[in-house]
């Protein structure tokens, strides 16, 4: 993506790339998916770390279970 933008990763340049062609849209979408995948993997590592703060640990869904009976059926 950087090569298509000649090193200019400003928002207007990225938007122009996305709106300029189907290839540009696909390039930006692939870049975003890759970045989000890396961020999610990093978050999972932080959640699973033994020394993680309680705020960083994965939540168990207690609130959802506690109030499930109030939700309408799917």
PDB file of N, CA and C in Angstrom:
ATOM      1  N   UNK A   1       0.826  -1.172   0.000  1.00  0.00           N
ATOM      2  CA  UNK A   1       0.000   0.000   0.000  1.00  0.00           C
ATOM      3  C   UNK A   1       0.880   1.249   0.000  1.00  0.00           C
ATOM      4  N   UNK A   2       1.963   1.224   0.751  1.00  0.00           N
ATOM      5  CA  UNK A   2       2.851   2.384   0.816  1.00  0.00           C
ATOM      6  C   UNK A   2       3.419   2.701  -0.559  1.00  0.00           C
ATOM      7  N   UNK A   3       3.728   1.657  -1.332  1.00  0.00           N
ATOM      8  CA  UNK A   3       4.290   1.906  -2.662  1.00  0.00           C
ATOM      9  C   UNK A   3       3.250   2.533  -3.596  1.00  0.00           C
ATOM     10  N   UNK A   4       1.998   2.165  -3.467  1.00  0.00           N
ATOM     11  CA  UNK A   4       0.943   2.762  -4.289  1.00  0.00           C
ATOM     12  C   UNK A   4       0.713   4.223  -3.928  1.00  0.00           C
ATOM     13  N   UNK A   5       0.989   4.576  -2.676  1.00  0.00           N
ATOM     14  CA  UNK A   5       0.779   5.951  -2.217  1.00  0.00           C
ATOM     15  C   UNK A   5       2.068   6.772  -2.259  1.00  0.00           C
ATOM     16  N   UNK A   6       3.146   6.212  -2.779  1.00  0.00           N
ATOM     17  CA  UNK A   6       4.445   6.891  -2.822  1.00  0.00           C
ATOM     18  C   UNK A   6       4.871   7.388  -1.444  1.00  0.00           C
ATOM     19  N   UNK A   7       4.602   6.601  -0.415  1.00  0.00           N
ATOM     20  CA  UNK A   7       5.027   6.928   0.931  1.00  0.00           C
ATOM     21  C   UNK A   7       4.128   7.896   1.675  1.00  0.00           C
ATOM     22  N   UNK A   8       3.085   8.403   1.039  1.00  0.00           N
ATOM     23  CA  UNK A   8       2.181   9.376   1.670  1.00  0.00           C
ATOM     24  C   UNK A   8       0.980   8.637   2.256  1.00  0.00           C
ATOM     25  N   UNK A   9       1.000   8.414   3.580  1.00  0.00           N
ATOM     26  CA  UNK A   9      -0.089   7.684   4.235  1.00  0.00           C
ATOM     27  C   UNK A   9      -1.097   8.616   4.890  1.00  0.00           C
ATOM     28  N   UNK A  10      -1.215   9.829   4.378  1.00  0.00           N
ATOM     29  CA  UNK A  10      -2.199  10.759   4.942  1.00  0.00           C
ATOM     30  C   UNK A  10      -3.610  10.277   4.599  1.00  0.00           C
ATOM     31  N   UNK A  11      -4.561  10.697   5.387  1.00  0.00           N
ATOM     32  CA  UNK A  11      -5.951  10.274   5.182  1.00  0.00           C
ATOM     33  C   UNK A  11      -6.470  10.623   3.787  1.00  0.00           C
ATOM     34  N   UNK A  12      -6.255  11.835   3.285  1.00  0.00           N
ATOM     35  CA  UNK A  12      -6.734  12.127   1.926  1.00  0.00           C
ATOM     36  C   UNK A  12      -6.132  11.206   0.869  1.00  0.00           C
ATOM     37  N   UNK A  13      -4.855  10.866   1.015  1.00  0.00           N
ATOM     38  CA  UNK A  13      -4.220   9.964   0.042  1.00  0.00           C
ATOM     39  C   UNK A  13      -4.819   8.570   0.096  1.00  0.00           C
ATOM     40  N   UNK A  14      -5.068   8.076   1.302  1.00  0.00           N
ATOM     41  CA  UNK A  14      -5.651   6.738   1.452  1.00  0.00           C
ATOM     42  C   UNK A  14      -7.068   6.727   0.882  1.00  0.00           C
ATOM     43  N   UNK A  15      -7.836   7.765   1.154  1.00  0.00           N
ATOM     44  CA  UNK A  15      -9.208   7.839   0.626  1.00  0.00           C
ATOM     45  C   UNK A  15      -9.189   7.900  -0.892  1.00  0.00           C
ATOM     46  N   UNK A  16      -8.287   8.703  -1.456  1.00  0.00           N
ATOM     47  CA  UNK A  16      -8.192   8.772  -2.921  1.00  0.00           C
ATOM     48  C   UNK A  16      -7.825   7.417  -3.518  1.00  0.00           C
ATOM     49  N   UNK A  17      -6.945   6.689  -2.852  1.00  0.00           N
ATOM     50  CA  UNK A  17      -6.577   5.357  -3.327  1.00  0.00           C
ATOM     51  C   UNK A  17      -7.788   4.435  -3.290  1.00  0.00           C
ATOM     52  N   UNK A  18      -8.534   4.487  -2.194  1.00  0.00           N
ATOM     53  CA  UNK A  18      -9.715   3.621  -2.056  1.00  0.00           C
ATOM     54  C   UNK A  18     -10.767   3.930  -3.113  1.00  0.00           C
ATOM     55  N   UNK A  19     -10.984   5.204  -3.368  1.00  0.00           N
ATOM     56  CA  UNK A  19     -12.037   5.599  -4.303  1.00  0.00           C
ATOM     57  C   UNK A  19     -11.579   5.610  -5.757  1.00  0.00           C
ATOM     58  N   UNK A  20     -10.275   5.490  -5.964  1.00  0.00           N
ATOM     59  CA  UNK A  20      -9.736   5.566  -7.318  1.00  0.00           C
ATOM     60  C   UNK A  20      -9.937   4.316  -8.154  1.00  0.00           C
ATOM     61  N   UNK A  21      -9.931   3.157  -7.517  1.00  0.00           N
ATOM     62  CA  UNK A  21     -10.079   1.914  -8.285  1.00  0.00           C
ATOM     63  C   UNK A  21     -10.448   0.768  -7.359  1.00  0.00           C
ATOM     64  N   UNK A  22     -10.914  -0.297  -7.963  1.00  0.00           N
ATOM     65  CA  UNK A  22     -11.243  -1.506  -7.207  1.00  0.00           C
ATOM     66  C   UNK A  22      -9.977  -2.095  -6.578  1.00  0.00           C
ATOM     67  N   UNK A  23      -8.867  -2.027  -7.316  1.00  0.00           N
ATOM     68  CA  UNK A  23      -7.595  -2.529  -6.787  1.00  0.00           C
ATOM     69  C   UNK A  23      -7.160  -1.720  -5.564  1.00  0.00           C
ATOM     70  N   UNK A  24      -7.337  -0.411  -5.638  1.00  0.00           N
ATOM     71  CA  UNK A  24      -6.984   0.443  -4.507  1.00  0.00           C
ATOM     72  C   UNK A  24      -7.821   0.119  -3.287  1.00  0.00           C
ATOM     73  N   UNK A  25      -9.116  -0.092  -3.503  1.00  0.00           N
ATOM     74  CA  UNK A  25     -10.012  -0.458  -2.393  1.00  0.00           C
ATOM     75  C   UNK A  25      -9.561  -1.771  -1.759  1.00  0.00           C
ATOM     76  N   UNK A  26      -9.275  -2.756  -2.598  1.00  0.00           N
ATOM     77  CA  UNK A  26      -8.849  -4.069  -2.100  1.00  0.00           C
ATOM     78  C   UNK A  26      -7.522  -3.975  -1.352  1.00  0.00           C
ATOM     79  N   UNK A  27      -6.632  -3.136  -1.826  1.00  0.00           N
ATOM     80  CA  UNK A  27      -5.338  -2.969  -1.177  1.00  0.00           C
ATOM     81  C   UNK A  27      -5.503  -2.404   0.224  1.00  0.00           C
ATOM     82  N   UNK A  28      -6.317  -1.357   0.354  1.00  0.00           N
ATOM     83  CA  UNK A  28      -6.540  -0.738   1.662  1.00  0.00           C
ATOM     84  C   UNK A  28      -7.271  -1.706   2.588  1.00  0.00           C
ATOM     85  N   UNK A  29      -8.260  -2.421   2.054  1.00  0.00           N
ATOM     86  CA  UNK A  29      -9.003  -3.386   2.870  1.00  0.00           C
ATOM     87  C   UNK A  29      -8.074  -4.491   3.380  1.00  0.00           C
ATOM     88  N   UNK A  30      -7.195  -4.992   2.534  1.00  0.00           N
ATOM     89  CA  UNK A  30      -6.249  -6.030   2.954  1.00  0.00           C
ATOM     90  C   UNK A  30      -5.298  -5.509   4.021  1.00  0.00           C
ATOM     91  N   UNK A  31      -4.834  -4.281   3.841  1.00  0.00           N
ATOM     92  CA  UNK A  31      -3.947  -3.663   4.829  1.00  0.00           C
ATOM     93  C   UNK A  31      -4.656  -3.548   6.178  1.00  0.00           C
ATOM     94  N   UNK A  32      -5.900  -3.075   6.170  1.00  0.00           N
ATOM     95  CA  UNK A  32      -6.659  -2.919   7.412  1.00  0.00           C
ATOM     96  C   UNK A  32      -6.886  -4.266   8.097  1.00  0.00           C
ATOM     97  N   UNK A  33      -7.215  -5.290   7.318  1.00  0.00           N
ATOM     98  CA  UNK A  33      -7.425  -6.620   7.893  1.00  0.00           C
ATOM     99  C   UNK A  33      -6.143  -7.152   8.533  1.00  0.00           C
ATOM    100  N   UNK A  34      -5.009  -6.912   7.876  1.00  0.00           N
ATOM    101  CA  UNK A  34      -3.732  -7.374   8.426  1.00  0.00           C
ATOM    102  C   UNK A  34      -3.416  -6.652   9.735  1.00  0.00           C
ATOM    103  N   UNK A  35      -3.617  -5.345   9.762  1.00  0.00           N
ATOM    104  CA  UNK A  35      -3.336  -4.570  10.971  1.00  0.00           C
ATOM    105  C   UNK A  35      -4.257  -5.005  12.109  1.00  0.00           C
ATOM    106  N   UNK A  36      -5.546  -5.180  11.833  1.00  0.00           N
ATOM    107  CA  UNK A  36      -6.488  -5.597  12.871  1.00  0.00           C
ATOM    108  C   UNK A  36      -6.145  -6.992  13.390  1.00  0.00           C
ATOM    109  N   UNK A  37      -5.719  -7.879  12.498  1.00  0.00           N
ATOM    110  CA  UNK A  37      -5.310  -9.218  12.931  1.00  0.00           C
ATOM    111  C   UNK A  37      -4.129  -9.169  13.886  1.00  0.00           C
ATOM    112  N   UNK A  38      -3.156  -8.319  13.579  1.00  0.00           N
ATOM    113  CA  UNK A  38      -1.997  -8.167  14.463  1.00  0.00           C
ATOM    114  C   UNK A  38      -2.401  -7.584  15.816  1.00  0.00           C
ATOM    115  N   UNK A  39      -3.295  -6.595  15.786  1.00  0.00           N
ATOM    116  CA  UNK A  39      -3.742  -5.985  17.040  1.00  0.00           C
ATOM    117  C   UNK A  39      -4.504  -6.994  17.901  1.00  0.00           C
ATOM    118  N   UNK A  40      -5.366  -7.805  17.277  1.00  0.00           N
ATOM    119  CA  UNK A  40      -6.135  -8.800  18.020  1.00  0.00           C
ATOM    120  C   UNK A  40      -5.220  -9.864  18.618  1.00  0.00           C
ATOM    121  N   UNK A  41      -4.208 -10.286  17.854  1.00  0.00           N
ATOM    122  CA  UNK A  41      -3.266 -11.281  18.372  1.00  0.00           C
ATOM    123  C   UNK A  41      -2.497 -10.715  19.562  1.00  0.00           C
ATOM    124  N   UNK A  42      -2.099  -9.463  19.472  1.00  0.00           N
ATOM    125  CA  UNK A  42      -1.399  -8.816  20.573  1.00  0.00           C
ATOM    126  C   UNK A  42      -2.293  -8.708  21.808  1.00  0.00           C
ATOM    127  N   UNK A  43      -3.561  -8.393  21.583  1.00  0.00           N
ATOM    128  CA  UNK A  43      -4.502  -8.302  22.701  1.00  0.00           C
ATOM    129  C   UNK A  43      -4.688  -9.655  23.379  1.00  0.00           C
ATOM    130  N   UNK A  44      -4.791 -10.716  22.580  1.00  0.00           N
ATOM    131  CA  UNK A  44      -4.935 -12.060  23.161  1.00  0.00           C
ATOM    132  C   UNK A  44      -3.716 -12.425  23.996  1.00  0.00           C
ATOM    133  N   UNK A  45      -2.533 -12.055  23.526  1.00  0.00           N
ATOM    134  CA  UNK A  45      -1.307 -12.326  24.295  1.00  0.00           C
ATOM    135  C   UNK A  45      -1.337 -11.587  25.628  1.00  0.00           C
ATOM    136  N   UNK A  46      -1.760 -10.325  25.619  1.00  0.00           N
ATOM    137  CA  UNK A  46      -1.842  -9.557  26.865  1.00  0.00           C
ATOM    138  C   UNK A  46      -2.866 -10.158  27.815  1.00  0.00           C
ATOM    139  N   UNK A  47      -3.994 -10.623  27.284  1.00  0.00           N
ATOM    140  CA  UNK A  47      -5.035 -11.216  28.127  1.00  0.00           C
ATOM    141  C   UNK A  47      -4.566 -12.513  28.773  1.00  0.00           C
ATOM    142  N   UNK A  48      -3.749 -13.285  28.065  1.00  0.00           N
ATOM    143  CA  UNK A  48      -3.326 -14.592  28.558  1.00  0.00           C
ATOM    144  C   UNK A  48      -2.073 -14.532  29.424  1.00  0.00           C
ATOM    145  N   UNK A  49      -1.435 -13.382  29.491  1.00  0.00           N
ATOM    146  CA  UNK A  49      -0.203 -13.255  30.276  1.00  0.00           C
ATOM    147  C   UNK A  49      -0.508 -13.472  31.753  1.00  0.00           C
ATOM    148  N   UNK A  50       0.351 -14.230  32.408  1.00  0.00           N
ATOM    149  CA  UNK A  50       0.147 -14.546  33.826  1.00  0.00           C
ATOM    150  C   UNK A  50       0.232 -13.305  34.700  1.00  0.00           C
ATOM    151  N   UNK A  51       1.035 -12.343  34.290  1.00  0.00           N
ATOM    152  CA  UNK A  51       1.198 -11.137  35.095  1.00  0.00           C
ATOM    153  C   UNK A  51       0.304  -9.977  34.631  1.00  0.00           C
ATOM    154  N   UNK A  52      -0.702 -10.287  33.818  1.00  0.00           N
ATOM    155  CA  UNK A  52      -1.592  -9.247  33.303  1.00  0.00           C
ATOM    156  C   UNK A  52      -2.443  -8.654  34.420  1.00  0.00           C
ATOM    157  N   UNK A  53      -2.670  -7.371  34.316  1.00  0.00           N
ATOM    158  CA  UNK A  53      -3.561  -6.715  35.264  1.00  0.00           C
ATOM    159  C   UNK A  53      -4.975  -7.278  35.087  1.00  0.00           C
ATOM    160  N   UNK A  54      -5.766  -7.308  36.150  1.00  0.00           N
ATOM    161  CA  UNK A  54      -7.122  -7.841  36.021  1.00  0.00           C
ATOM    162  C   UNK A  54      -7.934  -7.150  34.928  1.00  0.00           C
ATOM    163  N   UNK A  55      -7.689  -5.865  34.698  1.00  0.00           N
ATOM    164  CA  UNK A  55      -8.404  -5.127  33.674  1.00  0.00           C
ATOM    165  C   UNK A  55      -8.081  -5.637  32.273  1.00  0.00           C
ATOM    166  N   UNK A  56      -6.880  -6.189  32.089  1.00  0.00           N
ATOM    167  CA  UNK A  56      -6.442  -6.693  30.785  1.00  0.00           C
ATOM    168  C   UNK A  56      -6.884  -8.124  30.522  1.00  0.00           C
ATOM    169  N   UNK A  57      -7.276  -8.845  31.557  1.00  0.00           N
ATOM    170  CA  UNK A  57      -7.619 -10.257  31.366  1.00  0.00           C
ATOM    171  C   UNK A  57      -8.945 -10.403  30.652  1.00  0.00           C
ATOM    172  N   UNK A  58      -9.091 -11.509  29.967  1.00  0.00           N
ATOM    173  CA  UNK A  58     -10.302 -11.782  29.213  1.00  0.00           C
ATOM    174  C   UNK A  58     -11.489 -11.881  30.156  1.00  0.00           C
ATOM    175  N   UNK A  59     -12.565 -11.252  29.783  1.00  0.00           N
ATOM    176  CA  UNK A  59     -13.769 -11.285  30.605  1.00  0.00           C
ATOM    177  C   UNK A  59     -14.524 -12.581  30.360  1.00  0.00           C
ATOM    178  N   UNK A  60     -15.202 -13.045  31.365  1.00  0.00           N
ATOM    179  CA  UNK A  60     -15.859 -14.351  31.271  1.00  0.00           C
ATOM    180  C   UNK A  60     -17.322 -14.251  30.853  1.00  0.00           C
ATOM    181  N   UNK A  61     -17.854 -13.066  30.721  1.00  0.00           N
ATOM    182  CA  UNK A  61     -19.240 -12.914  30.283  1.00  0.00           C
ATOM    183  C   UNK A  61     -20.239 -13.032  31.406  1.00  0.00           C
ATOM    184  N   UNK A  62     -19.838 -12.732  32.637  1.00  0.00           N
ATOM    185  CA  UNK A  62     -20.733 -12.848  33.795  1.00  0.00           C
ATOM    186  C   UNK A  62     -21.956 -11.971  33.680  1.00  0.00           C
ATOM    187  N   UNK A  63     -21.793 -10.758  33.206  1.00  0.00           N
ATOM    188  CA  UNK A  63     -22.931  -9.855  33.081  1.00  0.00           C
ATOM    189  C   UNK A  63     -23.936 -10.387  32.061  1.00  0.00           C
ATOM    190  N   UNK A  64     -23.433 -10.916  30.951  1.00  0.00           N
ATOM    191  CA  UNK A  64     -24.324 -11.446  29.926  1.00  0.00           C
ATOM    192  C   UNK A  64     -25.143 -12.611  30.478  1.00  0.00           C
ATOM    193  N   UNK A  65     -24.492 -13.502  31.224  1.00  0.00           N
ATOM    194  CA  UNK A  65     -25.220 -14.644  31.802  1.00  0.00           C
ATOM    195  C   UNK A  65     -26.222 -14.176  32.842  1.00  0.00           C
ATOM    196  N   UNK A  66     -25.845 -13.173  33.618  1.00  0.00           N
ATOM    197  CA  UNK A  66     -26.695 -12.686  34.695  1.00  0.00           C
ATOM    198  C   UNK A  66     -27.995 -12.080  34.158  1.00  0.00           C
ATOM    199  N   UNK A  67     -27.927 -11.434  33.003  1.00  0.00           N
ATOM    200  CA  UNK A  67     -29.097 -10.753  32.461  1.00  0.00           C
ATOM    201  C   UNK A  67     -29.695 -11.441  31.239  1.00  0.00           C
ATOM    202  N   UNK A  68     -29.245 -12.647  30.930  1.00  0.00           N
ATOM    203  CA  UNK A  68     -29.724 -13.367  29.751  1.00  0.00           C
ATOM    204  C   UNK A  68     -31.228 -13.613  29.804  1.00  0.00           C
ATOM    205  N   UNK A  69     -31.760 -13.847  30.988  1.00  0.00           N
ATOM    206  CA  UNK A  69     -33.193 -14.137  31.094  1.00  0.00           C
ATOM    207  C   UNK A  69     -34.056 -12.915  30.731  1.00  0.00           C
ATOM    208  N   UNK A  70     -33.478 -11.735  30.703  1.00  0.00           N
ATOM    209  CA  UNK A  70     -34.223 -10.524  30.348  1.00  0.00           C
ATOM    210  C   UNK A  70     -34.258 -10.257  28.845  1.00  0.00           C
ATOM    211  N   UNK A  71     -33.405 -10.946  28.110  1.00  0.00           N
ATOM    212  CA  UNK A  71     -33.328 -10.727  26.680  1.00  0.00           C
ATOM    213  C   UNK A  71     -34.413 -11.495  25.942  1.00  0.00           C
ATOM    214  N   UNK A  72     -34.937 -10.920  24.851  1.00  0.00           N
ATOM    215  CA  UNK A  72     -35.945 -11.648  24.059  1.00  0.00           C
ATOM    216  C   UNK A  72     -35.303 -12.842  23.364  1.00  0.00           C
ATOM    217  N   UNK A  73     -36.075 -13.859  23.065  1.00  0.00           N
ATOM    218  CA  UNK A  73     -35.506 -15.045  22.380  1.00  0.00           C
ATOM    219  C   UNK A  73     -35.010 -14.663  20.986  1.00  0.00           C
ATOM    220  N   UNK A  74     -33.986 -15.362  20.507  1.00  0.00           N
ATOM    221  CA  UNK A  74     -33.402 -15.021  19.176  1.00  0.00           C
ATOM    222  C   UNK A  74     -34.312 -15.286  18.015  1.00  0.00           C
TER     223      UNK A  74
END
